[in-house]
Amino acid sequence: MTVNDICAVVAASDYDRALAWYTRILGRGPDLEPIDGVAEWQLTATAWLQLIEDADRAGRSAVRFGVDDLAAQIASLNELGVPTGEPVVIADMVRVLDIADSEGNEVSYVEDITPTGTANAAEG
């Protein structure tokens, strides 16, 4: 199997509130809104975040963002008024901060802390 890209899908029951939350933490509005109740952000050349209106799955999604500087990300979230706890270190490979979005979905920020920087940060 060859994978060309990936899209993380986050479900929301209150789409407008979730759209405002992700717009705020991502620092910009969505790149696409192909249909009502769907917003998409292109985060890298091959990685997308999709927000969908789906009350049945809301609060049960998870998304993990690999970041280079977790401390800076925490400071940015705090400036936006987003509550953060303390990050945890997992297997001396990654530092992870878990928060919840406006729907209760798990949003994680993962920083690779291996000496060579080769850990897969998405595997928090």
PDB file of N, CA and C in Angstrom:
ATOM      1  N   MET A   1       0.841  -1.178   0.000  1.00  0.00           N
ATOM      2  CA  MET A   1       0.000   0.000   0.000  1.00  0.00           C
ATOM      3  C   MET A   1       0.887   1.242   0.000  1.00  0.00           C
ATOM      4  N   THR A   2       0.545   2.173  -0.842  1.00  0.00           N
ATOM      5  CA  THR A   2       1.208   3.462  -0.880  1.00  0.00           C
ATOM      6  C   THR A   2       0.226   4.523  -0.405  1.00  0.00           C
ATOM      7  N   VAL A   3       0.620   5.281   0.597  1.00  0.00           N
ATOM      8  CA  VAL A   3      -0.224   6.353   1.121  1.00  0.00           C
ATOM      9  C   VAL A   3       0.343   7.676   0.615  1.00  0.00           C
ATOM     10  N   ASN A   4      -0.498   8.470  -0.007  1.00  0.00           N
ATOM     11  CA  ASN A   4      -0.052   9.752  -0.556  1.00  0.00           C
ATOM     12  C   ASN A   4      -0.336  10.926   0.360  1.00  0.00           C
ATOM     13  N   ASP A   5      -1.355  10.807   1.184  1.00  0.00           N
ATOM     14  CA  ASP A   5      -1.672  11.873   2.118  1.00  0.00           C
ATOM     15  C   ASP A   5      -2.529  11.312   3.234  1.00  0.00           C
ATOM     16  N   ILE A   6      -2.821  12.161   4.223  1.00  0.00           N
ATOM     17  CA  ILE A   6      -3.633  11.737   5.355  1.00  0.00           C
ATOM     18  C   ILE A   6      -4.514  12.896   5.797  1.00  0.00           C
ATOM     19  N   CYS A   7      -5.692  12.550   6.293  1.00  0.00           N
ATOM     20  CA  CYS A   7      -6.627  13.549   6.780  1.00  0.00           C
ATOM     21  C   CYS A   7      -7.174  13.079   8.124  1.00  0.00           C
ATOM     22  N   ALA A   8      -6.978  13.886   9.156  1.00  0.00           N
ATOM     23  CA  ALA A   8      -7.573  13.605  10.460  1.00  0.00           C
ATOM     24  C   ALA A   8      -8.961  14.236  10.457  1.00  0.00           C
ATOM     25  N   VAL A   9      -9.960  13.485  10.902  1.00  0.00           N
ATOM     26  CA  VAL A   9     -11.342  13.959  10.903  1.00  0.00           C
ATOM     27  C   VAL A   9     -11.811  14.132  12.340  1.00  0.00           C
ATOM     28  N   VAL A  10     -12.330  15.319  12.636  1.00  0.00           N
ATOM     29  CA  VAL A  10     -12.825  15.655  13.969  1.00  0.00           C
ATOM     30  C   VAL A  10     -14.312  15.971  13.846  1.00  0.00           C
ATOM     31  N   ALA A  11     -15.112  15.310  14.683  1.00  0.00           N
ATOM     32  CA  ALA A  11     -16.564  15.482  14.636  1.00  0.00           C
ATOM     33  C   ALA A  11     -17.039  16.497  15.676  1.00  0.00           C
ATOM     34  N   ALA A  12     -18.076  17.249  15.297  1.00  0.00           N
ATOM     35  CA  ALA A  12     -18.636  18.263  16.184  1.00  0.00           C
ATOM     36  C   ALA A  12     -20.149  18.248  16.116  1.00  0.00           C
ATOM     37  N   SER A  13     -20.780  18.458  17.259  1.00  0.00           N
ATOM     38  CA  SER A  13     -22.237  18.623  17.267  1.00  0.00           C
ATOM     39  C   SER A  13     -22.595  20.093  17.073  1.00  0.00           C
ATOM     40  N   ASP A  14     -21.784  20.999  17.629  1.00  0.00           N
ATOM     41  CA  ASP A  14     -21.965  22.433  17.429  1.00  0.00           C
ATOM     42  C   ASP A  14     -20.886  22.881  16.454  1.00  0.00           C
ATOM     43  N   TYR A  15     -21.184  22.732  15.179  1.00  0.00           N
ATOM     44  CA  TYR A  15     -20.199  22.981  14.128  1.00  0.00           C
ATOM     45  C   TYR A  15     -19.640  24.404  14.189  1.00  0.00           C
ATOM     46  N   ASP A  16     -20.498  25.396  14.343  1.00  0.00           N
ATOM     47  CA  ASP A  16     -20.029  26.788  14.349  1.00  0.00           C
ATOM     48  C   ASP A  16     -19.069  27.061  15.502  1.00  0.00           C
ATOM     49  N   ARG A  17     -19.377  26.519  16.675  1.00  0.00           N
ATOM     50  CA  ARG A  17     -18.496  26.711  17.828  1.00  0.00           C
ATOM     51  C   ARG A  17     -17.157  26.005  17.595  1.00  0.00           C
ATOM     52  N   ALA A  18     -17.194  24.795  17.064  1.00  0.00           N
ATOM     53  CA  ALA A  18     -15.962  24.054  16.787  1.00  0.00           C
ATOM     54  C   ALA A  18     -15.148  24.735  15.683  1.00  0.00           C
ATOM     55  N   LEU A  19     -15.821  25.246  14.669  1.00  0.00           N
ATOM     56  CA  LEU A  19     -15.129  25.964  13.593  1.00  0.00           C
ATOM     57  C   LEU A  19     -14.393  27.177  14.157  1.00  0.00           C
ATOM     58  N   ALA A  20     -15.040  27.913  15.041  1.00  0.00           N
ATOM     59  CA  ALA A  20     -14.394  29.069  15.671  1.00  0.00           C
ATOM     60  C   ALA A  20     -13.198  28.625  16.515  1.00  0.00           C
ATOM     61  N   TRP A  21     -13.330  27.503  17.238  1.00  0.00           N
ATOM     62  CA  TRP A  21     -12.244  27.012  18.095  1.00  0.00           C
ATOM     63  C   TRP A  21     -11.026  26.629  17.257  1.00  0.00           C
ATOM     64  N   TYR A  22     -11.220  25.839  16.208  1.00  0.00           N
ATOM     65  CA  TYR A  22     -10.094  25.420  15.369  1.00  0.00           C
ATOM     66  C   TYR A  22      -9.503  26.598  14.597  1.00  0.00           C
ATOM     67  N   THR A  23     -10.339  27.523  14.159  1.00  0.00           N
ATOM     68  CA  THR A  23      -9.834  28.721  13.490  1.00  0.00           C
ATOM     69  C   THR A  23      -8.915  29.490  14.430  1.00  0.00           C
ATOM     70  N   ARG A  24      -9.310  29.563  15.685  1.00  0.00           N
ATOM     71  CA  ARG A  24      -8.507  30.278  16.681  1.00  0.00           C
ATOM     72  C   ARG A  24      -7.188  29.565  16.950  1.00  0.00           C
ATOM     73  N   ILE A  25      -7.208  28.252  17.207  1.00  0.00           N
ATOM     74  CA  ILE A  25      -5.949  27.585  17.567  1.00  0.00           C
ATOM     75  C   ILE A  25      -5.022  27.390  16.366  1.00  0.00           C
ATOM     76  N   LEU A  26      -5.600  27.301  15.169  1.00  0.00           N
ATOM     77  CA  LEU A  26      -4.756  27.153  13.980  1.00  0.00           C
ATOM     78  C   LEU A  26      -4.302  28.505  13.433  1.00  0.00           C
ATOM     79  N   GLY A  27      -4.901  29.571  13.935  1.00  0.00           N
ATOM     80  CA  GLY A  27      -4.471  30.898  13.537  1.00  0.00           C
ATOM     81  C   GLY A  27      -4.981  31.352  12.180  1.00  0.00           C
ATOM     82  N   ARG A  28      -5.950  30.623  11.619  1.00  0.00           N
ATOM     83  CA  ARG A  28      -6.519  30.993  10.322  1.00  0.00           C
ATOM     84  C   ARG A  28      -7.768  30.174  10.062  1.00  0.00           C
ATOM     85  N   GLY A  29      -8.565  30.673   9.180  1.00  0.00           N
ATOM     86  CA  GLY A  29      -9.761  29.947   8.791  1.00  0.00           C
ATOM     87  C   GLY A  29      -9.428  28.749   7.925  1.00  0.00           C
ATOM     88  N   PRO A  30     -10.426  27.942   7.623  1.00  0.00           N
ATOM     89  CA  PRO A  30     -10.191  26.751   6.812  1.00  0.00           C
ATOM     90  C   PRO A  30      -9.782  27.101   5.384  1.00  0.00           C
ATOM     91  N   ASP A  31      -9.040  26.205   4.769  1.00  0.00           N
ATOM     92  CA  ASP A  31      -8.656  26.368   3.370  1.00  0.00           C
ATOM     93  C   ASP A  31      -9.815  26.036   2.441  1.00  0.00           C
ATOM     94  N   LEU A  32     -10.644  25.105   2.879  1.00  0.00           N
ATOM     95  CA  LEU A  32     -11.786  24.680   2.074  1.00  0.00           C
ATOM     96  C   LEU A  32     -13.008  24.504   2.960  1.00  0.00           C
ATOM     97  N   GLU A  33     -14.161  24.799   2.418  1.00  0.00           N
ATOM     98  CA  GLU A  33     -15.443  24.449   3.018  1.00  0.00           C
ATOM     99  C   GLU A  33     -16.282  23.876   1.876  1.00  0.00           C
ATOM    100  N   PRO A  34     -15.995  22.617   1.510  1.00  0.00           N
ATOM    101  CA  PRO A  34     -16.576  22.048   0.287  1.00  0.00           C
ATOM    102  C   PRO A  34     -18.098  21.898   0.314  1.00  0.00           C
ATOM    103  N   ILE A  35     -18.662  21.649   1.478  1.00  0.00           N
ATOM    104  CA  ILE A  35     -20.108  21.541   1.636  1.00  0.00           C
ATOM    105  C   ILE A  35     -20.474  22.056   3.020  1.00  0.00           C
ATOM    106  N   ASP A  36     -21.758  22.310   3.242  1.00  0.00           N
ATOM    107  CA  ASP A  36     -22.206  22.753   4.564  1.00  0.00           C
ATOM    108  C   ASP A  36     -21.800  21.726   5.615  1.00  0.00           C
ATOM    109  N   GLY A  37     -21.257  22.201   6.733  1.00  0.00           N
ATOM    110  CA  GLY A  37     -20.896  21.317   7.831  1.00  0.00           C
ATOM    111  C   GLY A  37     -19.560  20.627   7.674  1.00  0.00           C
ATOM    112  N   VAL A  38     -18.721  21.089   6.739  1.00  0.00           N
ATOM    113  CA  VAL A  38     -17.384  20.519   6.550  1.00  0.00           C
ATOM    114  C   VAL A  38     -16.389  21.653   6.320  1.00  0.00           C
ATOM    115  N   ALA A  39     -15.312  21.645   7.107  1.00  0.00           N
ATOM    116  CA  ALA A  39     -14.215  22.600   6.939  1.00  0.00           C
ATOM    117  C   ALA A  39     -12.910  21.824   6.910  1.00  0.00           C
ATOM    118  N   GLU A  40     -11.979  22.280   6.059  1.00  0.00           N
ATOM    119  CA  GLU A  40     -10.709  21.565   5.918  1.00  0.00           C
ATOM    120  C   GLU A  40      -9.541  22.541   5.929  1.00  0.00           C
ATOM    121  N   TRP A  41      -8.516  22.176   6.694  1.00  0.00           N
ATOM    122  CA  TRP A  41      -7.275  22.929   6.752  1.00  0.00           C
ATOM    123  C   TRP A  41      -6.162  22.064   6.200  1.00  0.00           C
ATOM    124  N   GLN A  42      -5.387  22.587   5.269  1.00  0.00           N
ATOM    125  CA  GLN A  42      -4.195  21.885   4.806  1.00  0.00           C
ATOM    126  C   GLN A  42      -3.057  22.310   5.720  1.00  0.00           C
ATOM    127  N   LEU A  43      -2.537  21.367   6.500  1.00  0.00           N
ATOM    128  CA  LEU A  43      -1.526  21.670   7.510  1.00  0.00           C
ATOM    129  C   LEU A  43      -0.108  21.487   7.007  1.00  0.00           C
ATOM    130  N   THR A  44       0.089  20.527   6.119  1.00  0.00           N
ATOM    131  CA  THR A  44       1.365  20.327   5.432  1.00  0.00           C
ATOM    132  C   THR A  44       1.016  19.957   3.998  1.00  0.00           C
ATOM    133  N   ALA A  45       2.016  19.684   3.202  1.00  0.00           N
ATOM    134  CA  ALA A  45       1.758  19.335   1.799  1.00  0.00           C
ATOM    135  C   ALA A  45       0.843  18.117   1.679  1.00  0.00           C
ATOM    136  N   THR A  46       0.898  17.226   2.647  1.00  0.00           N
ATOM    137  CA  THR A  46       0.129  15.982   2.532  1.00  0.00           C
ATOM    138  C   THR A  46      -0.709  15.653   3.761  1.00  0.00           C
ATOM    139  N   ALA A  47      -0.922  16.622   4.640  1.00  0.00           N
ATOM    140  CA  ALA A  47      -1.708  16.374   5.855  1.00  0.00           C
ATOM    141  C   ALA A  47      -2.808  17.421   5.991  1.00  0.00           C
ATOM    142  N   TRP A  48      -4.021  16.936   6.237  1.00  0.00           N
ATOM    143  CA  TRP A  48      -5.191  17.794   6.357  1.00  0.00           C
ATOM    144  C   TRP A  48      -5.910  17.527   7.664  1.00  0.00           C
ATOM    145  N   LEU A  49      -6.594  18.546   8.157  1.00  0.00           N
ATOM    146  CA  LEU A  49      -7.515  18.401   9.276  1.00  0.00           C
ATOM    147  C   LEU A  49      -8.896  18.727   8.728  1.00  0.00           C
ATOM    148  N   GLN A  50      -9.839  17.822   8.968  1.00  0.00           N
ATOM    149  CA  GLN A  50     -11.210  18.025   8.503  1.00  0.00           C
ATOM    150  C   GLN A  50     -12.134  18.068   9.713  1.00  0.00           C
ATOM    151  N   LEU A  51     -12.916  19.114   9.790  1.00  0.00           N
ATOM    152  CA  LEU A  51     -13.937  19.261  10.822  1.00  0.00           C
ATOM    153  C   LEU A  51     -15.272  18.961  10.169  1.00  0.00           C
ATOM    154  N   ILE A  52     -16.040  18.047  10.790  1.00  0.00           N
ATOM    155  CA  ILE A  52     -17.345  17.696  10.230  1.00  0.00           C
ATOM    156  C   ILE A  52     -18.426  17.843  11.286  1.00  0.00           C
ATOM    157  N   GLU A  53     -19.596  18.202  10.833  1.00  0.00           N
ATOM    158  CA  GLU A  53     -20.755  18.245  11.727  1.00  0.00           C
ATOM    159  C   GLU A  53     -21.326  16.835  11.801  1.00  0.00           C
ATOM    160  N   ASP A  54     -21.215  16.234  12.987  1.00  0.00           N
ATOM    161  CA  ASP A  54     -21.689  14.866  13.195  1.00  0.00           C
ATOM    162  C   ASP A  54     -21.934  14.688  14.696  1.00  0.00           C
ATOM    163  N   ALA A  55     -23.165  14.931  15.109  1.00  0.00           N
ATOM    164  CA  ALA A  55     -23.503  14.898  16.537  1.00  0.00           C
ATOM    165  C   ALA A  55     -23.278  13.527  17.155  1.00  0.00           C
ATOM    166  N   ASP A  56     -23.467  12.463  16.388  1.00  0.00           N
ATOM    167  CA  ASP A  56     -23.309  11.115  16.931  1.00  0.00           C
ATOM    168  C   ASP A  56     -21.864  10.789  17.297  1.00  0.00           C
ATOM    169  N   ARG A  57     -20.902  11.348  16.584  1.00  0.00           N
ATOM    170  CA  ARG A  57     -19.485  11.060  16.850  1.00  0.00           C
ATOM    171  C   ARG A  57     -18.771  12.180  17.586  1.00  0.00           C
ATOM    172  N   ALA A  58     -19.446  13.287  17.824  1.00  0.00           N
ATOM    173  CA  ALA A  58     -18.822  14.436  18.484  1.00  0.00           C
ATOM    174  C   ALA A  58     -18.271  14.044  19.851  1.00  0.00           C
ATOM    175  N   GLY A  59     -17.096  14.554  20.153  1.00  0.00           N
ATOM    176  CA  GLY A  59     -16.467  14.292  21.441  1.00  0.00           C
ATOM    177  C   GLY A  59     -15.739  12.963  21.512  1.00  0.00           C
ATOM    178  N   ARG A  60     -15.737  12.195  20.427  1.00  0.00           N
ATOM    179  CA  ARG A  60     -15.067  10.894  20.431  1.00  0.00           C
ATOM    180  C   ARG A  60     -13.937  10.821  19.406  1.00  0.00           C
ATOM    181  N   SER A  61     -13.539  11.974  18.876  1.00  0.00           N
ATOM    182  CA  SER A  61     -12.449  12.035  17.906  1.00  0.00           C
ATOM    183  C   SER A  61     -11.146  12.377  18.611  1.00  0.00           C
ATOM    184  N   ALA A  62     -10.053  12.140  17.918  1.00  0.00           N
ATOM    185  CA  ALA A  62      -8.739  12.519  18.440  1.00  0.00           C
ATOM    186  C   ALA A  62      -7.870  12.966  17.274  1.00  0.00           C
ATOM    187  N   VAL A  63      -7.074  13.981  17.504  1.00  0.00           N
ATOM    188  CA  VAL A  63      -6.121  14.457  16.510  1.00  0.00           C
ATOM    189  C   VAL A  63      -4.812  14.767  17.223  1.00  0.00           C
ATOM    190  N   ARG A  64      -3.711  14.451  16.567  1.00  0.00           N
ATOM    191  CA  ARG A  64      -2.393  14.704  17.136  1.00  0.00           C
ATOM    192  C   ARG A  64      -1.587  15.559  16.169  1.00  0.00           C
ATOM    193  N   PHE A  65      -1.059  16.668  16.692  1.00  0.00           N
ATOM    194  CA  PHE A  65      -0.235  17.563  15.896  1.00  0.00           C
ATOM    195  C   PHE A  65       1.215  17.383  16.315  1.00  0.00           C
ATOM    196  N   GLY A  66       2.085  17.056  15.387  1.00  0.00           N
ATOM    197  CA  GLY A  66       3.517  17.011  15.659  1.00  0.00           C
ATOM    198  C   GLY A  66       4.066  18.424  15.590  1.00  0.00           C
ATOM    199  N   VAL A  67       4.730  18.876  16.650  1.00  0.00           N
ATOM    200  CA  VAL A  67       5.273  20.239  16.703  1.00  0.00           C
ATOM    201  C   VAL A  67       6.762  20.191  17.046  1.00  0.00           C
ATOM    202  N   ASP A  68       7.479  21.229  16.631  1.00  0.00           N
ATOM    203  CA  ASP A  68       8.910  21.308  16.911  1.00  0.00           C
ATOM    204  C   ASP A  68       9.209  21.840  18.302  1.00  0.00           C
ATOM    205  N   ASP A  69       8.319  22.688  18.830  1.00  0.00           N
ATOM    206  CA  ASP A  69       8.583  23.359  20.103  1.00  0.00           C
ATOM    207  C   ASP A  69       7.304  23.344  20.945  1.00  0.00           C
ATOM    208  N   LEU A  70       7.189  22.348  21.790  1.00  0.00           N
ATOM    209  CA  LEU A  70       5.980  22.198  22.598  1.00  0.00           C
ATOM    210  C   LEU A  70       5.810  23.351  23.580  1.00  0.00           C
ATOM    211  N   ALA A  71       6.889  23.837  24.143  1.00  0.00           N
ATOM    212  CA  ALA A  71       6.791  24.961  25.085  1.00  0.00           C
ATOM    213  C   ALA A  71       6.195  26.187  24.396  1.00  0.00           C
ATOM    214  N   ALA A  72       6.606  26.461  23.180  1.00  0.00           N
ATOM    215  CA  ALA A  72       6.050  27.595  22.430  1.00  0.00           C
ATOM    216  C   ALA A  72       4.582  27.360  22.123  1.00  0.00           C
ATOM    217  N   GLN A  73       4.214  26.121  21.820  1.00  0.00           N
ATOM    218  CA  GLN A  73       2.816  25.807  21.535  1.00  0.00           C
ATOM    219  C   GLN A  73       1.961  25.999  22.782  1.00  0.00           C
ATOM    220  N   ILE A  74       2.472  25.575  23.926  1.00  0.00           N
ATOM    221  CA  ILE A  74       1.741  25.770  25.181  1.00  0.00           C
ATOM    222  C   ILE A  74       1.559  27.256  25.462  1.00  0.00           C
ATOM    223  N   ALA A  75       2.601  28.041  25.260  1.00  0.00           N
ATOM    224  CA  ALA A  75       2.509  29.490  25.471  1.00  0.00           C
ATOM    225  C   ALA A  75       1.457  30.095  24.537  1.00  0.00           C
ATOM    226  N   SER A  76       1.434  29.658  23.304  1.00  0.00           N
ATOM    227  CA  SER A  76       0.451  30.158  22.340  1.00  0.00           C
ATOM    228  C   SER A  76      -0.974  29.804  22.762  1.00  0.00           C
ATOM    229  N   LEU A  77      -1.173  28.570  23.200  1.00  0.00           N
ATOM    230  CA  LEU A  77      -2.494  28.152  23.671  1.00  0.00           C
ATOM    231  C   LEU A  77      -2.918  28.965  24.886  1.00  0.00           C
ATOM    232  N   ASN A  78      -1.994  29.182  25.812  1.00  0.00           N
ATOM    233  CA  ASN A  78      -2.297  29.978  27.008  1.00  0.00           C
ATOM    234  C   ASN A  78      -2.674  31.405  26.634  1.00  0.00           C
ATOM    235  N   GLU A  79      -1.981  31.989  25.648  1.00  0.00           N
ATOM    236  CA  GLU A  79      -2.310  33.337  25.188  1.00  0.00           C
ATOM    237  C   GLU A  79      -3.723  33.397  24.609  1.00  0.00           C
ATOM    238  N   LEU A  80      -4.161  32.281  24.007  1.00  0.00           N
ATOM    239  CA  LEU A  80      -5.505  32.209  23.433  1.00  0.00           C
ATOM    240  C   LEU A  80      -6.571  31.883  24.476  1.00  0.00           C
ATOM    241  N   GLY A  81      -6.140  31.657  25.716  1.00  0.00           N
ATOM    242  CA  GLY A  81      -7.083  31.322  26.780  1.00  0.00           C
ATOM    243  C   GLY A  81      -7.502  29.869  26.787  1.00  0.00           C
ATOM    244  N   VAL A  82      -6.733  29.019  26.102  1.00  0.00           N
ATOM    245  CA  VAL A  82      -7.025  27.583  26.076  1.00  0.00           C
ATOM    246  C   VAL A  82      -6.331  26.936  27.271  1.00  0.00           C
ATOM    247  N   PRO A  83      -7.095  26.285  28.139  1.00  0.00           N
ATOM    248  CA  PRO A  83      -6.473  25.657  29.310  1.00  0.00           C
ATOM    249  C   PRO A  83      -5.546  24.506  28.909  1.00  0.00           C
ATOM    250  N   THR A  84      -4.368  24.497  29.522  1.00  0.00           N
ATOM    251  CA  THR A  84      -3.404  23.424  29.288  1.00  0.00           C
ATOM    252  C   THR A  84      -2.949  22.884  30.633  1.00  0.00           C
ATOM    253  N   GLY A  85      -2.588  21.642  30.648  1.00  0.00           N
ATOM    254  CA  GLY A  85      -1.995  21.048  31.835  1.00  0.00           C
ATOM    255  C   GLY A  85      -0.504  20.937  31.619  1.00  0.00           C
ATOM    256  N   GLU A  86       0.067  19.970  32.261  1.00  0.00           N
ATOM    257  CA  GLU A  86       1.496  19.716  32.110  1.00  0.00           C
ATOM    258  C   GLU A  86       1.715  18.633  31.061  1.00  0.00           C
ATOM    259  N   PRO A  87       2.709  18.814  30.194  1.00  0.00           N
ATOM    260  CA  PRO A  87       3.012  17.754  29.232  1.00  0.00           C
ATOM    261  C   PRO A  87       3.609  16.543  29.935  1.00  0.00           C
ATOM    262  N   VAL A  88       3.497  15.400  29.299  1.00  0.00           N
ATOM    263  CA  VAL A  88       4.097  14.169  29.810  1.00  0.00           C
ATOM    264  C   VAL A  88       5.117  13.666  28.798  1.00  0.00           C
ATOM    265  N   VAL A  89       6.120  12.970  29.315  1.00  0.00           N
ATOM    266  CA  VAL A  89       7.134  12.363  28.455  1.00  0.00           C
ATOM    267  C   VAL A  89       6.809  10.883  28.348  1.00  0.00           C
ATOM    268  N   ILE A  90       6.825  10.395  27.133  1.00  0.00           N
ATOM    269  CA  ILE A  90       6.521   8.987  26.878  1.00  0.00           C
ATOM    270  C   ILE A  90       7.762   8.308  26.315  1.00  0.00           C
ATOM    271  N   ALA A  91       8.241   7.291  27.026  1.00  0.00           N
ATOM    272  CA  ALA A  91       9.367   6.445  26.613  1.00  0.00           C
ATOM    273  C   ALA A  91      10.606   7.245  26.229  1.00  0.00           C
ATOM    274  N   ASP A  92      10.823   8.377  26.855  1.00  0.00           N
ATOM    275  CA  ASP A  92      11.964   9.243  26.545  1.00  0.00           C
ATOM    276  C   ASP A  92      12.074   9.551  25.052  1.00  0.00           C
ATOM    277  N   MET A  93      10.935   9.497  24.361  1.00  0.00           N
ATOM    278  CA  MET A  93      10.930   9.752  22.917  1.00  0.00           C
ATOM    279  C   MET A  93      10.127  10.987  22.527  1.00  0.00           C
ATOM    280  N   VAL A  94       9.005  11.190  23.197  1.00  0.00           N
ATOM    281  CA  VAL A  94       8.147  12.320  22.854  1.00  0.00           C
ATOM    282  C   VAL A  94       7.622  12.986  24.115  1.00  0.00           C
ATOM    283  N   ARG A  95       7.378  14.287  24.010  1.00  0.00           N
ATOM    284  CA  ARG A  95       6.710  15.059  25.054  1.00  0.00           C
ATOM    285  C   ARG A  95       5.326  15.379  24.496  1.00  0.00           C
ATOM    286  N   VAL A  96       4.288  15.098  25.286  1.00  0.00           N
ATOM    287  CA  VAL A  96       2.914  15.190  24.797  1.00  0.00           C
ATOM    288  C   VAL A  96       2.072  16.067  25.718  1.00  0.00           C
ATOM    289  N   LEU A  97       1.283  16.929  25.099  1.00  0.00           N
ATOM    290  CA  LEU A  97       0.299  17.725  25.813  1.00  0.00           C
ATOM    291  C   LEU A  97      -1.065  17.362  25.240  1.00  0.00           C
ATOM    292  N   ASP A  98      -1.961  16.919  26.099  1.00  0.00           N
ATOM    293  CA  ASP A  98      -3.331  16.603  25.689  1.00  0.00           C
ATOM    294  C   ASP A  98      -4.268  17.687  26.207  1.00  0.00           C
ATOM    295  N   ILE A  99      -5.112  18.197  25.317  1.00  0.00           N
ATOM    296  CA  ILE A  99      -6.154  19.138  25.691  1.00  0.00           C
ATOM    297  C   ILE A  99      -7.453  18.646  25.045  1.00  0.00           C
ATOM    298  N   ALA A 100      -8.526  19.352  25.289  1.00  0.00           N
ATOM    299  CA  ALA A 100      -9.803  19.024  24.653  1.00  0.00           C
ATOM    300  C   ALA A 100     -10.276  20.224  23.860  1.00  0.00           C
ATOM    301  N   ASP A 101     -10.888  19.952  22.709  1.00  0.00           N
ATOM    302  CA  ASP A 101     -11.466  21.036  21.930  1.00  0.00           C
ATOM    303  C   ASP A 101     -12.833  21.415  22.496  1.00  0.00           C
ATOM    304  N   SER A 102     -13.541  22.272  21.818  1.00  0.00           N
ATOM    305  CA  SER A 102     -14.827  22.762  22.312  1.00  0.00           C
ATOM    306  C   SER A 102     -15.895  21.679  22.392  1.00  0.00           C
ATOM    307  N   GLU A 103     -15.651  20.530  21.765  1.00  0.00           N
ATOM    308  CA  GLU A 103     -16.601  19.409  21.760  1.00  0.00           C
ATOM    309  C   GLU A 103     -16.175  18.285  22.695  1.00  0.00           C
ATOM    310  N   GLY A 104     -14.990  18.410  23.285  1.00  0.00           N
ATOM    311  CA  GLY A 104     -14.463  17.343  24.130  1.00  0.00           C
ATOM    312  C   GLY A 104     -13.606  16.347  23.380  1.00  0.00           C
ATOM    313  N   ASN A 105     -13.340  16.593  22.082  1.00  0.00           N
ATOM    314  CA  ASN A 105     -12.430  15.731  21.319  1.00  0.00           C
ATOM    315  C   ASN A 105     -11.015  15.911  21.852  1.00  0.00           C
ATOM    316  N   GLU A 106     -10.227  14.849  21.813  1.00  0.00           N
ATOM    317  CA  GLU A 106      -8.847  14.910  22.278  1.00  0.00           C
ATOM    318  C   GLU A 106      -7.969  15.565  21.219  1.00  0.00           C
ATOM    319  N   VAL A 107      -7.235  16.582  21.626  1.00  0.00           N
ATOM    320  CA  VAL A 107      -6.281  17.262  20.761  1.00  0.00           C
ATOM    321  C   VAL A 107      -4.931  17.168  21.457  1.00  0.00           C
ATOM    322  N   SER A 108      -3.970  16.559  20.790  1.00  0.00           N
ATOM    323  CA  SER A 108      -2.647  16.375  21.384  1.00  0.00           C
ATOM    324  C   SER A 108      -1.597  17.105  20.561  1.00  0.00           C
ATOM    325  N   TYR A 109      -0.629  17.631  21.272  1.00  0.00           N
ATOM    326  CA  TYR A 109       0.549  18.233  20.644  1.00  0.00           C
ATOM    327  C   TYR A 109       1.728  17.363  21.058  1.00  0.00           C
ATOM    328  N   VAL A 110       2.515  16.927  20.078  1.00  0.00           N
ATOM    329  CA  VAL A 110       3.575  15.959  20.321  1.00  0.00           C
ATOM    330  C   VAL A 110       4.891  16.507  19.796  1.00  0.00           C
ATOM    331  N   GLU A 111       5.895  16.545  20.683  1.00  0.00           N
ATOM    332  CA  GLU A 111       7.234  17.004  20.310  1.00  0.00           C
ATOM    333  C   GLU A 111       8.215  15.846  20.429  1.00  0.00           C
ATOM    334  N   ASP A 112       8.959  15.599  19.375  1.00  0.00           N
ATOM    335  CA  ASP A 112      10.002  14.578  19.365  1.00  0.00           C
ATOM    336  C   ASP A 112      11.163  15.069  20.228  1.00  0.00           C
ATOM    337  N   ILE A 113      11.576  14.268  21.209  1.00  0.00           N
ATOM    338  CA  ILE A 113      12.690  14.677  22.076  1.00  0.00           C
ATOM    339  C   ILE A 113      13.861  13.711  22.000  1.00  0.00           C
ATOM    340  N   THR A 114      13.866  12.843  20.991  1.00  0.00           N
ATOM    341  CA  THR A 114      14.998  11.946  20.834  1.00  0.00           C
ATOM    342  C   THR A 114      16.210  12.755  20.394  1.00  0.00           C
ATOM    343  N   PRO A 115      17.416  12.309  20.752  1.00  0.00           N
ATOM    344  CA  PRO A 115      18.616  13.081  20.405  1.00  0.00           C
ATOM    345  C   PRO A 115      18.753  13.335  18.911  1.00  0.00           C
ATOM    346  N   THR A 116      18.346  12.405  18.091  1.00  0.00           N
ATOM    347  CA  THR A 116      18.476  12.573  16.650  1.00  0.00           C
ATOM    348  C   THR A 116      17.206  13.099  16.001  1.00  0.00           C
ATOM    349  N   GLY A 117      16.154  13.208  16.794  1.00  0.00           N
ATOM    350  CA  GLY A 117      14.901  13.722  16.268  1.00  0.00           C
ATOM    351  C   GLY A 117      14.226  12.787  15.290  1.00  0.00           C
ATOM    352  N   THR A 118      14.391  11.481  15.515  1.00  0.00           N
ATOM    353  CA  THR A 118      13.853  10.518  14.561  1.00  0.00           C
ATOM    354  C   THR A 118      12.587   9.830  15.022  1.00  0.00           C
ATOM    355  N   ALA A 119      12.116  10.122  16.215  1.00  0.00           N
ATOM    356  CA  ALA A 119      10.880   9.484  16.680  1.00  0.00           C
ATOM    357  C   ALA A 119       9.723   9.982  15.830  1.00  0.00           C
ATOM    358  N   ASN A 120       8.738   9.140  15.634  1.00  0.00           N
ATOM    359  CA  ASN A 120       7.552   9.529  14.889  1.00  0.00           C
ATOM    360  C   ASN A 120       6.638  10.281  15.849  1.00  0.00           C
ATOM    361  N   ALA A 121       6.623  11.602  15.755  1.00  0.00           N
ATOM    362  CA  ALA A 121       5.886  12.434  16.710  1.00  0.00           C
ATOM    363  C   ALA A 121       4.390  12.186  16.687  1.00  0.00           C
ATOM    364  N   ALA A 122       3.863  11.645  15.618  1.00  0.00           N
ATOM    365  CA  ALA A 122       2.410  11.387  15.565  1.00  0.00           C
ATOM    366  C   ALA A 122       2.016  10.180  16.387  1.00  0.00           C
ATOM    367  N   GLU A 123       2.966   9.413  16.844  1.00  0.00           N
ATOM    368  CA  GLU A 123       2.666   8.222  17.632  1.00  0.00           C
ATOM    369  C   GLU A 123       2.790   8.515  19.113  1.00  0.00           C
ATOM    370  N   GLY A 124       2.090   9.530  19.602  1.00  0.00           N
ATOM    371  CA  GLY A 124       2.163   9.913  21.013  1.00  0.00           C
ATOM    372  C   GLY A 124       1.627   8.870  21.819  1.00  0.00           C
TER     373      GLY A 124
END
